[in-house]
N, C-alpha and C. Protein backbone atom coordinates (compact mmCIF):
# COMPACT_ATOMS: atom_id res chain seq x y z
N UNK A 1 -22.94 -7.88 -3.71
CA UNK A 1 -23.01 -6.92 -4.74
C UNK A 1 -22.23 -5.65 -4.41
N UNK A 2 -22.33 -5.15 -3.17
CA UNK A 2 -21.63 -3.93 -2.79
C UNK A 2 -20.13 -4.14 -2.88
N UNK A 3 -19.65 -5.30 -2.49
CA UNK A 3 -18.23 -5.61 -2.56
C UNK A 3 -17.72 -5.47 -3.99
N UNK A 4 -18.48 -5.99 -4.95
CA UNK A 4 -18.07 -5.90 -6.34
C UNK A 4 -18.17 -4.48 -6.86
N UNK A 5 -19.21 -3.75 -6.46
CA UNK A 5 -19.35 -2.36 -6.88
C UNK A 5 -18.19 -1.53 -6.36
N UNK A 6 -17.79 -1.78 -5.11
CA UNK A 6 -16.65 -1.07 -4.54
C UNK A 6 -15.37 -1.36 -5.31
N UNK A 7 -15.28 -2.55 -5.91
CA UNK A 7 -14.10 -2.93 -6.69
C UNK A 7 -14.21 -2.44 -8.13
N UNK A 8 -15.31 -1.74 -8.47
CA UNK A 8 -15.48 -1.21 -9.82
C UNK A 8 -16.23 -2.12 -10.75
N UNK A 9 -16.81 -3.19 -10.24
CA UNK A 9 -17.53 -4.14 -11.07
C UNK A 9 -18.87 -3.61 -11.53
N UNK A 10 -19.38 -4.17 -12.62
CA UNK A 10 -20.71 -3.77 -13.07
C UNK A 10 -21.78 -4.57 -12.35
N UNK A 11 -21.38 -5.33 -11.35
CA UNK A 11 -22.23 -6.04 -10.41
C UNK A 11 -23.21 -6.98 -11.08
N UNK A 12 -22.68 -7.84 -11.88
CA UNK A 12 -23.45 -8.99 -12.35
C UNK A 12 -22.80 -10.18 -11.67
N UNK A 13 -23.23 -10.45 -10.46
CA UNK A 13 -22.64 -11.49 -9.62
C UNK A 13 -22.98 -12.85 -10.19
N UNK A 14 -21.95 -13.62 -10.53
CA UNK A 14 -22.15 -14.93 -11.09
C UNK A 14 -21.27 -15.91 -10.32
N UNK A 15 -21.90 -16.69 -9.44
CA UNK A 15 -21.15 -17.63 -8.62
C UNK A 15 -20.83 -18.89 -9.39
N UNK A 16 -19.68 -19.48 -9.07
CA UNK A 16 -19.31 -20.75 -9.67
C UNK A 16 -20.28 -21.82 -9.18
N UNK A 17 -20.40 -22.92 -9.93
CA UNK A 17 -21.34 -23.98 -9.52
C UNK A 17 -21.11 -24.51 -8.11
N UNK A 18 -19.85 -24.55 -7.68
CA UNK A 18 -19.55 -25.04 -6.34
C UNK A 18 -19.65 -23.94 -5.29
N UNK A 19 -19.91 -22.69 -5.73
CA UNK A 19 -20.04 -21.58 -4.80
C UNK A 19 -18.72 -21.06 -4.27
N UNK A 20 -17.61 -21.49 -4.86
CA UNK A 20 -16.30 -21.11 -4.36
C UNK A 20 -15.84 -19.75 -4.87
N UNK A 21 -16.34 -19.34 -6.04
CA UNK A 21 -15.85 -18.10 -6.63
C UNK A 21 -16.94 -17.33 -7.32
N UNK A 22 -16.61 -16.10 -7.66
CA UNK A 22 -17.53 -15.21 -8.34
C UNK A 22 -16.82 -14.66 -9.57
N UNK A 23 -17.49 -14.66 -10.70
CA UNK A 23 -16.97 -14.02 -11.91
C UNK A 23 -17.76 -12.74 -12.11
N UNK A 24 -17.09 -11.69 -12.55
CA UNK A 24 -17.76 -10.41 -12.81
C UNK A 24 -16.96 -9.63 -13.83
N UNK A 25 -17.61 -8.64 -14.42
CA UNK A 25 -16.89 -7.75 -15.33
C UNK A 25 -16.74 -6.40 -14.65
N UNK A 26 -15.65 -5.74 -14.99
CA UNK A 26 -15.36 -4.43 -14.42
C UNK A 26 -15.07 -3.49 -15.57
N UNK A 27 -15.79 -2.39 -15.62
CA UNK A 27 -15.57 -1.39 -16.64
C UNK A 27 -14.32 -0.58 -16.34
N UNK A 28 -13.50 -0.43 -17.36
CA UNK A 28 -12.26 0.34 -17.23
C UNK A 28 -12.24 1.39 -18.34
N UNK A 29 -13.00 2.45 -18.17
CA UNK A 29 -13.13 3.47 -19.22
C UNK A 29 -13.96 2.92 -20.36
N UNK A 30 -13.43 2.95 -21.59
CA UNK A 30 -14.14 2.39 -22.75
C UNK A 30 -13.82 0.91 -22.90
N UNK A 31 -13.42 0.29 -21.85
CA UNK A 31 -13.01 -1.10 -21.85
C UNK A 31 -13.71 -1.80 -20.69
N UNK A 32 -13.86 -3.10 -20.77
CA UNK A 32 -14.42 -3.89 -19.69
C UNK A 32 -13.74 -5.25 -19.74
N UNK A 33 -13.37 -5.76 -18.60
CA UNK A 33 -12.66 -7.04 -18.52
C UNK A 33 -13.37 -7.99 -17.57
N UNK A 34 -13.03 -9.27 -17.67
CA UNK A 34 -13.59 -10.31 -16.80
C UNK A 34 -12.62 -10.57 -15.65
N UNK A 35 -13.17 -10.66 -14.45
CA UNK A 35 -12.41 -10.92 -13.24
C UNK A 35 -13.07 -12.07 -12.48
N UNK A 36 -12.31 -12.71 -11.61
CA UNK A 36 -12.85 -13.69 -10.66
C UNK A 36 -12.31 -13.34 -9.28
N UNK A 37 -13.07 -13.74 -8.28
CA UNK A 37 -12.66 -13.55 -6.89
C UNK A 37 -13.22 -14.71 -6.07
N UNK A 38 -12.65 -14.92 -4.91
CA UNK A 38 -13.23 -15.90 -3.99
C UNK A 38 -14.58 -15.37 -3.51
N UNK A 39 -15.41 -16.24 -2.99
CA UNK A 39 -16.75 -15.86 -2.54
C UNK A 39 -16.70 -14.78 -1.46
N UNK A 40 -15.60 -14.71 -0.70
CA UNK A 40 -15.49 -13.68 0.35
C UNK A 40 -14.89 -12.38 -0.18
N UNK A 41 -14.62 -12.30 -1.50
CA UNK A 41 -14.10 -11.09 -2.11
C UNK A 41 -12.59 -10.98 -2.11
N UNK A 42 -11.91 -11.99 -1.60
CA UNK A 42 -10.44 -11.95 -1.57
C UNK A 42 -9.86 -12.44 -2.89
N UNK A 43 -8.65 -12.06 -3.14
CA UNK A 43 -7.88 -12.49 -4.31
C UNK A 43 -8.59 -12.24 -5.64
N UNK A 44 -8.85 -10.99 -5.93
CA UNK A 44 -9.43 -10.61 -7.22
C UNK A 44 -8.37 -10.81 -8.30
N UNK A 45 -8.74 -11.56 -9.35
CA UNK A 45 -7.81 -11.82 -10.46
C UNK A 45 -8.46 -11.41 -11.77
N UNK A 46 -7.71 -10.68 -12.58
CA UNK A 46 -8.18 -10.28 -13.90
C UNK A 46 -7.88 -11.40 -14.89
N UNK A 47 -8.91 -11.84 -15.63
CA UNK A 47 -8.73 -12.94 -16.58
C UNK A 47 -8.55 -12.48 -18.01
N UNK A 48 -9.19 -11.39 -18.41
CA UNK A 48 -9.03 -10.89 -19.78
C UNK A 48 -8.31 -9.54 -19.72
N UNK A 49 -7.61 -9.21 -20.80
CA UNK A 49 -6.88 -7.95 -20.87
C UNK A 49 -6.72 -7.57 -22.34
N UNK A 50 -7.64 -6.74 -22.83
CA UNK A 50 -7.63 -6.34 -24.23
C UNK A 50 -8.38 -5.03 -24.38
N UNK A 51 -8.55 -4.57 -25.61
CA UNK A 51 -9.24 -3.31 -25.87
C UNK A 51 -10.73 -3.50 -26.12
N UNK A 52 -11.24 -4.69 -25.91
CA UNK A 52 -12.65 -4.99 -26.16
C UNK A 52 -13.46 -4.85 -24.88
N UNK A 53 -14.78 -4.88 -25.03
CA UNK A 53 -15.69 -4.89 -23.89
C UNK A 53 -16.06 -6.34 -23.60
N UNK A 54 -15.41 -6.95 -22.64
CA UNK A 54 -15.71 -8.32 -22.22
C UNK A 54 -16.66 -8.23 -21.03
N UNK A 55 -17.80 -8.91 -21.12
CA UNK A 55 -18.81 -8.77 -20.08
C UNK A 55 -19.71 -10.00 -20.05
N UNK A 56 -20.62 -10.03 -19.09
CA UNK A 56 -21.62 -11.08 -18.92
C UNK A 56 -21.02 -12.48 -18.79
N UNK A 57 -20.13 -12.69 -17.83
CA UNK A 57 -19.54 -14.02 -17.66
C UNK A 57 -20.58 -15.04 -17.18
N UNK A 58 -20.38 -16.29 -17.60
CA UNK A 58 -21.25 -17.40 -17.19
C UNK A 58 -20.39 -18.64 -16.98
N UNK A 59 -20.42 -19.22 -15.80
CA UNK A 59 -19.65 -20.43 -15.48
C UNK A 59 -20.23 -21.63 -16.21
N UNK A 60 -19.37 -22.55 -16.63
CA UNK A 60 -19.84 -23.83 -17.15
C UNK A 60 -20.39 -24.64 -15.98
N UNK A 61 -21.27 -25.61 -16.22
CA UNK A 61 -21.84 -26.40 -15.13
C UNK A 61 -20.80 -27.09 -14.25
N UNK A 62 -19.66 -27.46 -14.82
CA UNK A 62 -18.63 -28.13 -14.02
C UNK A 62 -17.63 -27.15 -13.40
N UNK A 63 -17.80 -25.85 -13.66
CA UNK A 63 -16.95 -24.83 -13.05
C UNK A 63 -15.55 -24.71 -13.63
N UNK A 64 -15.29 -25.36 -14.76
CA UNK A 64 -13.94 -25.33 -15.32
C UNK A 64 -13.75 -24.25 -16.39
N UNK A 65 -14.87 -23.72 -16.93
CA UNK A 65 -14.78 -22.72 -17.99
C UNK A 65 -15.75 -21.57 -17.74
N UNK A 66 -15.48 -20.46 -18.40
CA UNK A 66 -16.34 -19.29 -18.32
C UNK A 66 -16.62 -18.82 -19.74
N UNK A 67 -17.90 -18.66 -20.06
CA UNK A 67 -18.31 -18.05 -21.33
C UNK A 67 -18.58 -16.58 -21.05
N UNK A 68 -18.39 -15.74 -22.06
CA UNK A 68 -18.65 -14.31 -21.88
C UNK A 68 -18.91 -13.67 -23.24
N UNK A 69 -19.50 -12.48 -23.20
CA UNK A 69 -19.77 -11.72 -24.41
C UNK A 69 -18.62 -10.75 -24.65
N UNK A 70 -18.28 -10.56 -25.92
CA UNK A 70 -17.22 -9.59 -26.29
C UNK A 70 -17.75 -8.68 -27.38
N UNK A 71 -17.64 -7.41 -27.11
CA UNK A 71 -18.04 -6.36 -28.04
C UNK A 71 -16.78 -5.56 -28.31
N UNK A 72 -16.29 -5.59 -29.52
CA UNK A 72 -15.00 -4.99 -29.79
C UNK A 72 -15.02 -3.88 -30.81
N UNK A 73 -13.94 -3.10 -30.82
CA UNK A 73 -13.84 -2.05 -31.83
C UNK A 73 -13.69 -2.65 -33.22
N UNK A 74 -14.30 -2.00 -34.19
CA UNK A 74 -14.14 -2.39 -35.59
C UNK A 74 -12.88 -1.70 -36.08
N UNK A 75 -11.79 -2.41 -36.07
CA UNK A 75 -10.50 -1.81 -36.36
C UNK A 75 -10.39 -1.27 -37.79
N UNK A 76 -11.28 -1.71 -38.69
CA UNK A 76 -11.25 -1.23 -40.07
C UNK A 76 -12.01 0.08 -40.26
N UNK A 77 -12.93 0.39 -39.37
CA UNK A 77 -13.80 1.55 -39.59
C UNK A 77 -13.80 2.55 -38.44
N UNK A 78 -12.86 2.47 -37.52
CA UNK A 78 -12.76 3.41 -36.40
C UNK A 78 -14.03 3.54 -35.57
N UNK A 79 -14.78 2.51 -35.44
CA UNK A 79 -15.99 2.52 -34.63
C UNK A 79 -16.08 1.23 -33.84
N UNK A 80 -17.28 0.86 -33.46
CA UNK A 80 -17.50 -0.39 -32.74
C UNK A 80 -18.23 -1.36 -33.65
N UNK A 81 -17.98 -2.63 -33.47
CA UNK A 81 -18.64 -3.65 -34.27
C UNK A 81 -20.13 -3.64 -34.00
N UNK A 82 -20.90 -4.13 -34.95
CA UNK A 82 -22.35 -4.20 -34.76
C UNK A 82 -22.74 -5.38 -33.88
N UNK A 83 -21.96 -6.44 -33.88
CA UNK A 83 -22.34 -7.66 -33.18
C UNK A 83 -21.53 -7.91 -31.93
N UNK A 84 -22.12 -8.67 -31.05
CA UNK A 84 -21.45 -9.12 -29.84
C UNK A 84 -21.20 -10.61 -30.01
N UNK A 85 -19.98 -11.03 -29.78
CA UNK A 85 -19.59 -12.42 -30.01
C UNK A 85 -19.40 -13.15 -28.68
N UNK A 86 -19.73 -14.43 -28.66
CA UNK A 86 -19.58 -15.26 -27.47
C UNK A 86 -18.20 -15.92 -27.49
N UNK A 87 -17.47 -15.78 -26.39
CA UNK A 87 -16.16 -16.40 -26.20
C UNK A 87 -16.22 -17.35 -25.02
N UNK A 88 -15.26 -18.27 -24.97
CA UNK A 88 -15.13 -19.21 -23.85
C UNK A 88 -13.65 -19.25 -23.47
N UNK A 89 -13.39 -19.42 -22.17
CA UNK A 89 -12.02 -19.58 -21.68
C UNK A 89 -12.03 -20.52 -20.49
N UNK A 90 -10.86 -21.04 -20.17
CA UNK A 90 -10.72 -21.81 -18.94
C UNK A 90 -10.95 -20.88 -17.76
N UNK A 91 -11.32 -21.42 -16.63
CA UNK A 91 -11.63 -20.62 -15.44
C UNK A 91 -10.44 -19.83 -14.93
N UNK A 92 -9.23 -20.18 -15.38
CA UNK A 92 -8.04 -19.42 -14.99
C UNK A 92 -7.66 -18.37 -16.03
N UNK A 93 -8.47 -18.21 -17.08
CA UNK A 93 -8.23 -17.19 -18.10
C UNK A 93 -7.41 -17.67 -19.29
N UNK A 94 -7.02 -18.92 -19.31
CA UNK A 94 -6.23 -19.45 -20.42
C UNK A 94 -7.15 -19.98 -21.52
N UNK A 95 -6.57 -20.19 -22.70
CA UNK A 95 -7.25 -20.80 -23.84
C UNK A 95 -8.56 -20.09 -24.20
N UNK A 96 -8.49 -18.79 -24.42
CA UNK A 96 -9.65 -18.00 -24.83
C UNK A 96 -9.92 -18.26 -26.31
N UNK A 97 -11.17 -18.56 -26.64
CA UNK A 97 -11.51 -18.76 -28.05
C UNK A 97 -12.93 -18.30 -28.33
N UNK A 98 -13.17 -17.93 -29.58
CA UNK A 98 -14.49 -17.53 -30.03
C UNK A 98 -15.31 -18.76 -30.39
N UNK A 99 -16.59 -18.73 -30.05
CA UNK A 99 -17.48 -19.82 -30.45
C UNK A 99 -17.99 -19.60 -31.87
N UNK A 100 -17.75 -18.40 -32.41
CA UNK A 100 -18.26 -18.08 -33.74
C UNK A 100 -19.73 -17.69 -33.74
N UNK A 101 -20.30 -17.53 -32.54
CA UNK A 101 -21.71 -17.18 -32.41
C UNK A 101 -21.85 -15.77 -31.86
N UNK A 102 -22.85 -15.05 -32.34
CA UNK A 102 -23.14 -13.74 -31.80
C UNK A 102 -24.21 -13.84 -30.73
N UNK A 103 -24.18 -12.93 -29.78
CA UNK A 103 -25.22 -12.90 -28.78
C UNK A 103 -24.77 -12.34 -27.44
N UNK A 104 -25.75 -12.00 -26.62
CA UNK A 104 -25.53 -11.52 -25.27
C UNK A 104 -25.89 -12.62 -24.29
N UNK A 105 -25.46 -12.43 -23.06
CA UNK A 105 -25.82 -13.31 -21.94
C UNK A 105 -25.64 -14.78 -22.30
N UNK A 106 -24.40 -15.21 -22.45
CA UNK A 106 -24.18 -16.62 -22.79
C UNK A 106 -24.74 -17.55 -21.71
N UNK A 107 -25.18 -18.71 -22.15
CA UNK A 107 -25.76 -19.70 -21.25
C UNK A 107 -25.22 -21.06 -21.65
N UNK A 108 -25.00 -21.91 -20.67
CA UNK A 108 -24.54 -23.27 -20.92
C UNK A 108 -25.73 -24.22 -21.10
N UNK A 109 -26.92 -23.67 -21.13
CA UNK A 109 -28.11 -24.47 -21.39
C UNK A 109 -28.65 -25.21 -20.21
N UNK A 110 -28.15 -24.92 -19.02
CA UNK A 110 -28.59 -25.63 -17.83
C UNK A 110 -29.73 -24.98 -17.23
């Protein structure tokens, strides 16, 4: 936890199913992004990069995907949206898509 806090993470340590990596979110001003790192804290990689608040990552049971919550600005009304939407991406940050569901703390049901 201290390692992630030192890196600016919001310290929601979420280990991959195989224990090889950790996913976490890091607040960057009015923004928050999803990152992954090896279990020893080496090779921190940023997976998301946008103006939204991406947080609460959750690994899929097979370790190939990460679900997360996204809270974004309401671009039509100069404020923030009322809902938080669940997104999924590959563990390397590719193929990000919305599930069309609202909610916090995504879970793969395991």
